[in-house]
All heavy atoms as atom14 arrays in JSON, in Angstrom:
{
  "sequence": "AELGLSDALAHDARFRRLFSGDASVATGAMRPW",
  "atom14_mask": [
    [1, 1, 1, 1, 1, 0, 0, 0, 0, 0, 0, 0, 0, 0],
    [1, 1, 1, 1, 1, 1, 1, 1, 1, 0, 0, 0, 0, 0],
    [1, 1, 1, 1, 1, 1, 1, 1, 0, 0, 0, 0, 0, 0],
    [1, 1, 1, 1, 0, 0, 0, 0, 0, 0, 0, 0, 0, 0],
    [1, 1, 1, 1, 1, 1, 1, 1, 0, 0, 0, 0, 0, 0],
    [1, 1, 1, 1, 1, 1, 0, 0, 0, 0, 0, 0, 0, 0],
    [1, 1, 1, 1, 1, 1, 1, 1, 0, 0, 0, 0, 0, 0],
    [1, 1, 1, 1, 1, 0, 0, 0, 0, 0, 0, 0, 0, 0],
    [1, 1, 1, 1, 1, 1, 1, 1, 0, 0, 0, 0, 0, 0],
    [1, 1, 1, 1, 1, 0, 0, 0, 0, 0, 0, 0, 0, 0],
    [1, 1, 1, 1, 1, 1, 1, 1, 1, 1, 0, 0, 0, 0],
    [1, 1, 1, 1, 1, 1, 1, 1, 0, 0, 0, 0, 0, 0],
    [1, 1, 1, 1, 1, 0, 0, 0, 0, 0, 0, 0, 0, 0],
    [1, 1, 1, 1, 1, 1, 1, 1, 1, 1, 1, 0, 0, 0],
    [1, 1, 1, 1, 1, 1, 1, 1, 1, 1, 1, 0, 0, 0],
    [1, 1, 1, 1, 1, 1, 1, 1, 1, 1, 1, 0, 0, 0],
    [1, 1, 1, 1, 1, 1, 1, 1, 1, 1, 1, 0, 0, 0],
    [1, 1, 1, 1, 1, 1, 1, 1, 0, 0, 0, 0, 0, 0],
    [1, 1, 1, 1, 1, 1, 1, 1, 1, 1, 1, 0, 0, 0],
    [1, 1, 1, 1, 1, 1, 0, 0, 0, 0, 0, 0, 0, 0],
    [1, 1, 1, 1, 0, 0, 0, 0, 0, 0, 0, 0, 0, 0],
    [1, 1, 1, 1, 1, 1, 1, 1, 0, 0, 0, 0, 0, 0],
    [1, 1, 1, 1, 1, 0, 0, 0, 0, 0, 0, 0, 0, 0],
    [1, 1, 1, 1, 1, 1, 0, 0, 0, 0, 0, 0, 0, 0],
    [1, 1, 1, 1, 1, 1, 1, 0, 0, 0, 0, 0, 0, 0],
    [1, 1, 1, 1, 1, 0, 0, 0, 0, 0, 0, 0, 0, 0],
    [1, 1, 1, 1, 1, 1, 1, 0, 0, 0, 0, 0, 0, 0],
    [1, 1, 1, 1, 0, 0, 0, 0, 0, 0, 0, 0, 0, 0],
    [1, 1, 1, 1, 1, 0, 0, 0, 0, 0, 0, 0, 0, 0],
    [1, 1, 1, 1, 1, 1, 1, 1, 0, 0, 0, 0, 0, 0],
    [1, 1, 1, 1, 1, 1, 1, 1, 1, 1, 1, 0, 0, 0],
    [1, 1, 1, 1, 1, 1, 1, 0, 0, 0, 0, 0, 0, 0],
    [1, 1, 1, 1, 1, 1, 1, 1, 1, 1, 1, 1, 1, 1]
  ],
  "atom14_positions": [
    [[-70.4, -45.73, 98.63], [-70.61, -46.96, 97.91], [-70.02, -48.18, 98.68], [-70.68, -49.23, 98.79], [-70.09, -46.87, 96.56], [0.0, 0.0, 0.0], [0.0, 0.0, 0.0], [0.0, 0.0, 0.0], [0.0, 0.0, 0.0], [0.0, 0.0, 0.0], [0.0, 0.0, 0.0], [0.0, 0.0, 0.0], [0.0, 0.0, 0.0], [0.0, 0.0, 0.0]],
    [[-68.83, -47.96, 99.19], [-68.18, -49.07, 99.92], [-68.95, -49.48, 101.18], [-68.98, -50.61, 101.58], [-66.78, -48.68, 100.29], [-65.79, -48.62, 99.13], [-64.37, -48.2, 99.54], [-63.91, -48.73, 100.61], [-63.78, -47.34, 98.81], [0.0, 0.0, 0.0], [0.0, 0.0, 0.0], [0.0, 0.0, 0.0], [0.0, 0.0, 0.0], [0.0, 0.0, 0.0]],
    [[-69.59, -48.47, 101.78], [-70.31, -48.84, 103.01], [-71.79, -49.17, 102.74], [-72.51, -49.42, 103.66], [-70.33, -47.52, 103.89], [-69.06, -46.93, 104.4], [-69.22, -45.73, 105.15], [-68.29, -48.01, 105.18], [0.0, 0.0, 0.0], [0.0, 0.0, 0.0], [0.0, 0.0, 0.0], [0.0, 0.0, 0.0], [0.0, 0.0, 0.0], [0.0, 0.0, 0.0]],
    [[-72.15, -49.19, 101.47], [-73.49, -49.59, 101.13], [-74.49, -48.52, 101.39], [-75.71, -48.82, 101.71], [0.0, 0.0, 0.0], [0.0, 0.0, 0.0], [0.0, 0.0, 0.0], [0.0, 0.0, 0.0], [0.0, 0.0, 0.0], [0.0, 0.0, 0.0], [0.0, 0.0, 0.0], [0.0, 0.0, 0.0], [0.0, 0.0, 0.0], [0.0, 0.0, 0.0]],
    [[-74.15, -47.23, 101.38], [-74.99, -46.06, 101.64], [-75.43, -45.44, 100.38], [-74.69, -45.2, 99.45], [-74.28, -45.13, 102.49], [-73.58, -45.57, 103.86], [-72.95, -44.4, 104.6], [-74.6, -46.31, 104.74], [0.0, 0.0, 0.0], [0.0, 0.0, 0.0], [0.0, 0.0, 0.0], [0.0, 0.0, 0.0], [0.0, 0.0, 0.0], [0.0, 0.0, 0.0]],
    [[-76.71, -45.06, 100.33], [-77.21, -44.21, 99.22], [-76.66, -42.89, 99.31], [-76.56, -42.28, 100.46], [-78.73, -44.21, 99.29], [-79.21, -43.14, 98.52], [0.0, 0.0, 0.0], [0.0, 0.0, 0.0], [0.0, 0.0, 0.0], [0.0, 0.0, 0.0], [0.0, 0.0, 0.0], [0.0, 0.0, 0.0], [0.0, 0.0, 0.0], [0.0, 0.0, 0.0]],
    [[-76.25, -42.29, 98.23], [-75.81, -40.89, 98.08], [-76.86, -39.96, 98.74], [-76.49, -38.89, 99.4], [-75.48, -40.44, 96.71], [-74.15, -41.12, 96.28], [-73.21, -41.14, 97.07], [-74.13, -41.47, 95.09], [0.0, 0.0, 0.0], [0.0, 0.0, 0.0], [0.0, 0.0, 0.0], [0.0, 0.0, 0.0], [0.0, 0.0, 0.0], [0.0, 0.0, 0.0]],
    [[-78.14, -40.24, 98.54], [-79.2, -39.37, 99.12], [-79.11, -39.25, 100.64], [-79.57, -38.33, 101.2], [-80.56, -39.91, 98.68], [0.0, 0.0, 0.0], [0.0, 0.0, 0.0], [0.0, 0.0, 0.0], [0.0, 0.0, 0.0], [0.0, 0.0, 0.0], [0.0, 0.0, 0.0], [0.0, 0.0, 0.0], [0.0, 0.0, 0.0], [0.0, 0.0, 0.0]],
    [[-78.51, -40.28, 101.31], [-78.48, -40.27, 102.75], [-77.69, -39.05, 103.26], [-77.94, -38.53, 104.36], [-77.8, -41.53, 103.27], [-77.99, -41.95, 104.7], [-79.55, -42.1, 104.99], [-77.25, -43.3, 104.96], [0.0, 0.0, 0.0], [0.0, 0.0, 0.0], [0.0, 0.0, 0.0], [0.0, 0.0, 0.0], [0.0, 0.0, 0.0], [0.0, 0.0, 0.0]],
    [[-76.7, -38.52, 102.55], [-75.97, -37.35, 102.93], [-76.81, -36.14, 103.18], [-76.41, -35.23, 103.85], [-74.85, -37.05, 101.91], [0.0, 0.0, 0.0], [0.0, 0.0, 0.0], [0.0, 0.0, 0.0], [0.0, 0.0, 0.0], [0.0, 0.0, 0.0], [0.0, 0.0, 0.0], [0.0, 0.0, 0.0], [0.0, 0.0, 0.0], [0.0, 0.0, 0.0]],
    [[-77.96, -36.09, 102.51], [-78.91, -34.98, 102.65], [-80.1, -35.35, 103.54], [-80.94, -34.42, 103.71], [-79.37, -34.62, 101.18], [-78.28, -34.23, 100.19], [-77.67, -33.05, 100.27], [-77.73, -35.06, 99.32], [-76.74, -33.06, 99.31], [-76.67, -34.21, 98.8], [0.0, 0.0, 0.0], [0.0, 0.0, 0.0], [0.0, 0.0, 0.0], [0.0, 0.0, 0.0]],
    [[-80.17, -36.59, 104.07], [-81.2, -36.9, 105.0], [-81.12, -36.06, 106.29], [-80.03, -35.87, 106.8], [-81.09, -38.45, 105.34], [-82.03, -38.9, 106.39], [-83.16, -39.29, 106.02], [-81.65, -38.76, 107.59], [0.0, 0.0, 0.0], [0.0, 0.0, 0.0], [0.0, 0.0, 0.0], [0.0, 0.0, 0.0], [0.0, 0.0, 0.0], [0.0, 0.0, 0.0]],
    [[-82.27, -35.66, 106.75], [-82.26, -34.65, 107.79], [-81.53, -35.3, 109.12], [-80.7, -34.59, 109.75], [-83.62, -34.22, 108.21], [0.0, 0.0, 0.0], [0.0, 0.0, 0.0], [0.0, 0.0, 0.0], [0.0, 0.0, 0.0], [0.0, 0.0, 0.0], [0.0, 0.0, 0.0], [0.0, 0.0, 0.0], [0.0, 0.0, 0.0], [0.0, 0.0, 0.0]],
    [[-81.89, -36.49, 109.46], [-81.29, -37.15, 110.75], [-79.85, -37.49, 110.53], [-79.06, -37.3, 111.45], [-82.1, -38.28, 111.13], [-83.49, -37.94, 111.74], [-84.21, -39.16, 112.34], [-84.45, -40.2, 111.33], [-84.97, -41.35, 111.64], [-85.12, -41.78, 112.87], [-85.35, -42.22, 110.65], [0.0, 0.0, 0.0], [0.0, 0.0, 0.0], [0.0, 0.0, 0.0]],
    [[-79.53, -37.94, 109.32], [-78.09, -38.25, 109.06], [-77.27, -36.99, 109.06], [-76.15, -36.99, 109.65], [-78.03, -38.85, 107.65], [-76.63, -39.47, 107.32], [-76.4, -40.82, 107.58], [-75.76, -38.71, 106.69], [-75.14, -41.37, 107.26], [-74.44, -39.22, 106.37], [-74.18, -40.58, 106.63], [0.0, 0.0, 0.0], [0.0, 0.0, 0.0], [0.0, 0.0, 0.0]],
    [[-77.78, -35.84, 108.51], [-77.02, -34.55, 108.57], [-76.91, -34.11, 109.99], [-75.82, -33.65, 110.35], [-77.77, -33.56, 107.72], [-77.04, -32.25, 107.65], [-77.81, -31.2, 106.83], [-79.05, -30.84, 107.46], [-80.23, -31.05, 106.87], [-80.34, -31.68, 105.75], [-81.33, -30.68, 107.52], [0.0, 0.0, 0.0], [0.0, 0.0, 0.0], [0.0, 0.0, 0.0]],
    [[-77.94, -34.32, 110.75], [-77.85, -33.76, 112.1], [-76.83, -34.56, 112.92], [-76.03, -33.97, 113.71], [-79.27, -33.89, 112.8], [-80.26, -32.82, 112.32], [-81.62, -33.04, 112.93], [-81.53, -32.96, 114.36], [-82.73, -33.29, 115.13], [-83.79, -33.7, 114.57], [-82.6, -33.24, 116.49], [0.0, 0.0, 0.0], [0.0, 0.0, 0.0], [0.0, 0.0, 0.0]],
    [[-76.8, -35.91, 112.84], [-75.9, -36.75, 113.55], [-74.47, -36.33, 113.16], [-73.6, -36.11, 114.07], [-76.01, -38.2, 113.23], [-75.08, -39.15, 113.93], [-75.37, -39.02, 115.49], [-75.16, -40.52, 113.42], [0.0, 0.0, 0.0], [0.0, 0.0, 0.0], [0.0, 0.0, 0.0], [0.0, 0.0, 0.0], [0.0, 0.0, 0.0], [0.0, 0.0, 0.0]],
    [[-74.14, -36.2, 111.81], [-72.79, -35.93, 111.44], [-72.4, -34.46, 111.47], [-71.37, -34.09, 110.9], [-72.48, -36.69, 110.12], [-72.47, -38.18, 110.27], [-73.45, -38.96, 109.89], [-71.37, -38.69, 111.01], [-73.46, -40.32, 110.08], [-71.35, -40.09, 111.2], [-72.38, -40.9, 110.78], [0.0, 0.0, 0.0], [0.0, 0.0, 0.0], [0.0, 0.0, 0.0]],
    [[-73.29, -33.6, 111.89], [-72.95, -32.27, 112.19], [-73.0, -32.01, 113.68], [-73.15, -30.84, 114.21], [-73.9, -31.22, 111.49], [-75.15, -31.45, 111.82], [0.0, 0.0, 0.0], [0.0, 0.0, 0.0], [0.0, 0.0, 0.0], [0.0, 0.0, 0.0], [0.0, 0.0, 0.0], [0.0, 0.0, 0.0], [0.0, 0.0, 0.0], [0.0, 0.0, 0.0]],
    [[-73.07, -33.09, 114.5], [-72.89, -32.98, 115.88], [-74.09, -33.12, 116.83], [-73.97, -32.93, 118.08], [0.0, 0.0, 0.0], [0.0, 0.0, 0.0], [0.0, 0.0, 0.0], [0.0, 0.0, 0.0], [0.0, 0.0, 0.0], [0.0, 0.0, 0.0], [0.0, 0.0, 0.0], [0.0, 0.0, 0.0], [0.0, 0.0, 0.0], [0.0, 0.0, 0.0]],
    [[-75.24, -33.49, 116.28], [-76.43, -33.68, 117.05], [-76.74, -35.07, 117.37], [-77.41, -35.84, 116.54], [-77.63, -32.97, 116.34], [-78.84, -32.99, 117.23], [-78.87, -33.46, 118.35], [-79.88, -32.36, 116.82], [0.0, 0.0, 0.0], [0.0, 0.0, 0.0], [0.0, 0.0, 0.0], [0.0, 0.0, 0.0], [0.0, 0.0, 0.0], [0.0, 0.0, 0.0]],
    [[-76.23, -35.64, 118.49], [-76.45, -37.03, 118.77], [-77.76, -37.4, 119.35], [-78.14, -38.56, 119.59], [-75.41, -37.49, 119.84], [0.0, 0.0, 0.0], [0.0, 0.0, 0.0], [0.0, 0.0, 0.0], [0.0, 0.0, 0.0], [0.0, 0.0, 0.0], [0.0, 0.0, 0.0], [0.0, 0.0, 0.0], [0.0, 0.0, 0.0], [0.0, 0.0, 0.0]],
    [[-78.61, -36.36, 119.58], [-79.92, -36.54, 120.12], [-80.83, -37.26, 119.03], [-81.9, -37.86, 119.42], [-80.65, -35.27, 120.42], [-80.97, -34.45, 119.21], [0.0, 0.0, 0.0], [0.0, 0.0, 0.0], [0.0, 0.0, 0.0], [0.0, 0.0, 0.0], [0.0, 0.0, 0.0], [0.0, 0.0, 0.0], [0.0, 0.0, 0.0], [0.0, 0.0, 0.0]],
    [[-80.44, -37.49, 117.86], [-81.23, -38.14, 116.85], [-80.96, -39.66, 116.89], [-81.55, -40.4, 116.19], [-80.85, -37.67, 115.41], [-81.18, -36.23, 115.2], [-79.42, -37.93, 114.97], [0.0, 0.0, 0.0], [0.0, 0.0, 0.0], [0.0, 0.0, 0.0], [0.0, 0.0, 0.0], [0.0, 0.0, 0.0], [0.0, 0.0, 0.0], [0.0, 0.0, 0.0]],
    [[-80.07, -40.11, 117.82], [-79.82, -41.57, 117.92], [-81.06, -42.38, 118.1], [-81.97, -41.95, 118.85], [-78.78, -41.7, 119.17], [0.0, 0.0, 0.0], [0.0, 0.0, 0.0], [0.0, 0.0, 0.0], [0.0, 0.0, 0.0], [0.0, 0.0, 0.0], [0.0, 0.0, 0.0], [0.0, 0.0, 0.0], [0.0, 0.0, 0.0], [0.0, 0.0, 0.0]],
    [[-81.05, -43.47, 117.42], [-82.31, -44.22, 117.55], [-81.87, -45.71, 117.62], [-80.75, -46.09, 117.17], [-83.11, -44.03, 116.25], [-84.31, -44.81, 116.37], [-82.39, -44.51, 115.0], [0.0, 0.0, 0.0], [0.0, 0.0, 0.0], [0.0, 0.0, 0.0], [0.0, 0.0, 0.0], [0.0, 0.0, 0.0], [0.0, 0.0, 0.0], [0.0, 0.0, 0.0]],
    [[-82.71, -46.61, 118.11], [-82.43, -48.06, 118.1], [-81.31, -48.29, 119.06], [-81.21, -47.72, 120.26], [0.0, 0.0, 0.0], [0.0, 0.0, 0.0], [0.0, 0.0, 0.0], [0.0, 0.0, 0.0], [0.0, 0.0, 0.0], [0.0, 0.0, 0.0], [0.0, 0.0, 0.0], [0.0, 0.0, 0.0], [0.0, 0.0, 0.0], [0.0, 0.0, 0.0]],
    [[-80.28, -49.07, 118.61], [-79.12, -49.38, 119.44], [-78.13, -48.34, 119.52], [-77.13, -48.47, 120.19], [-78.52, -50.67, 118.95], [0.0, 0.0, 0.0], [0.0, 0.0, 0.0], [0.0, 0.0, 0.0], [0.0, 0.0, 0.0], [0.0, 0.0, 0.0], [0.0, 0.0, 0.0], [0.0, 0.0, 0.0], [0.0, 0.0, 0.0], [0.0, 0.0, 0.0]],
    [[-78.3, -47.2, 118.83], [-77.3, -46.09, 118.75], [-77.18, -45.49, 120.11], [-78.13, -45.39, 120.89], [-77.63, -45.04, 117.8], [-77.61, -45.46, 116.34], [-77.95, -44.09, 115.22], [-76.34, -43.7, 114.7], [0.0, 0.0, 0.0], [0.0, 0.0, 0.0], [0.0, 0.0, 0.0], [0.0, 0.0, 0.0], [0.0, 0.0, 0.0], [0.0, 0.0, 0.0]],
    [[-75.91, -45.12, 120.51], [-75.71, -44.41, 121.78], [-75.98, -42.87, 121.45], [-75.55, -42.42, 120.41], [-74.26, -44.66, 122.21], [-73.82, -46.1, 122.34], [-74.52, -46.84, 123.44], [-74.25, -48.25, 123.38], [-73.22, -48.85, 124.09], [-72.48, -48.11, 124.86], [-73.07, -50.2, 123.95], [0.0, 0.0, 0.0], [0.0, 0.0, 0.0], [0.0, 0.0, 0.0]],
    [[-76.61, -42.2, 122.44], [-76.87, -40.78, 122.27], [-75.68, -39.87, 122.66], [-75.79, -38.71, 123.0], [-78.01, -40.58, 123.17], [-77.86, -41.48, 124.33], [-77.21, -42.71, 123.75], [0.0, 0.0, 0.0], [0.0, 0.0, 0.0], [0.0, 0.0, 0.0], [0.0, 0.0, 0.0], [0.0, 0.0, 0.0], [0.0, 0.0, 0.0], [0.0, 0.0, 0.0]],
    [[-74.45, -40.45, 122.61], [-73.23, -39.64, 122.9], [-72.09, -40.4, 122.16], [-72.23, -41.52, 121.54], [-72.88, -39.7, 124.4], [-73.19, -41.0, 125.25], [-74.27, -41.29, 125.94], [-72.39, -42.18, 125.26], [-74.25, -42.43, 126.47], [-73.05, -43.09, 126.09], [-71.15, -42.51, 124.74], [-72.6, -44.38, 126.36], [-70.61, -43.78, 124.99], [-71.26, -44.68, 125.84]]
  ]
}
């Protein structure tokens, strides 16, 4: 809530992949490492 994130984001496939260690989902200005 403080970050302005929807709770549903925790179950989003790409969000879950990034925060379980898969940086290949990086998009836009995100760094892939």
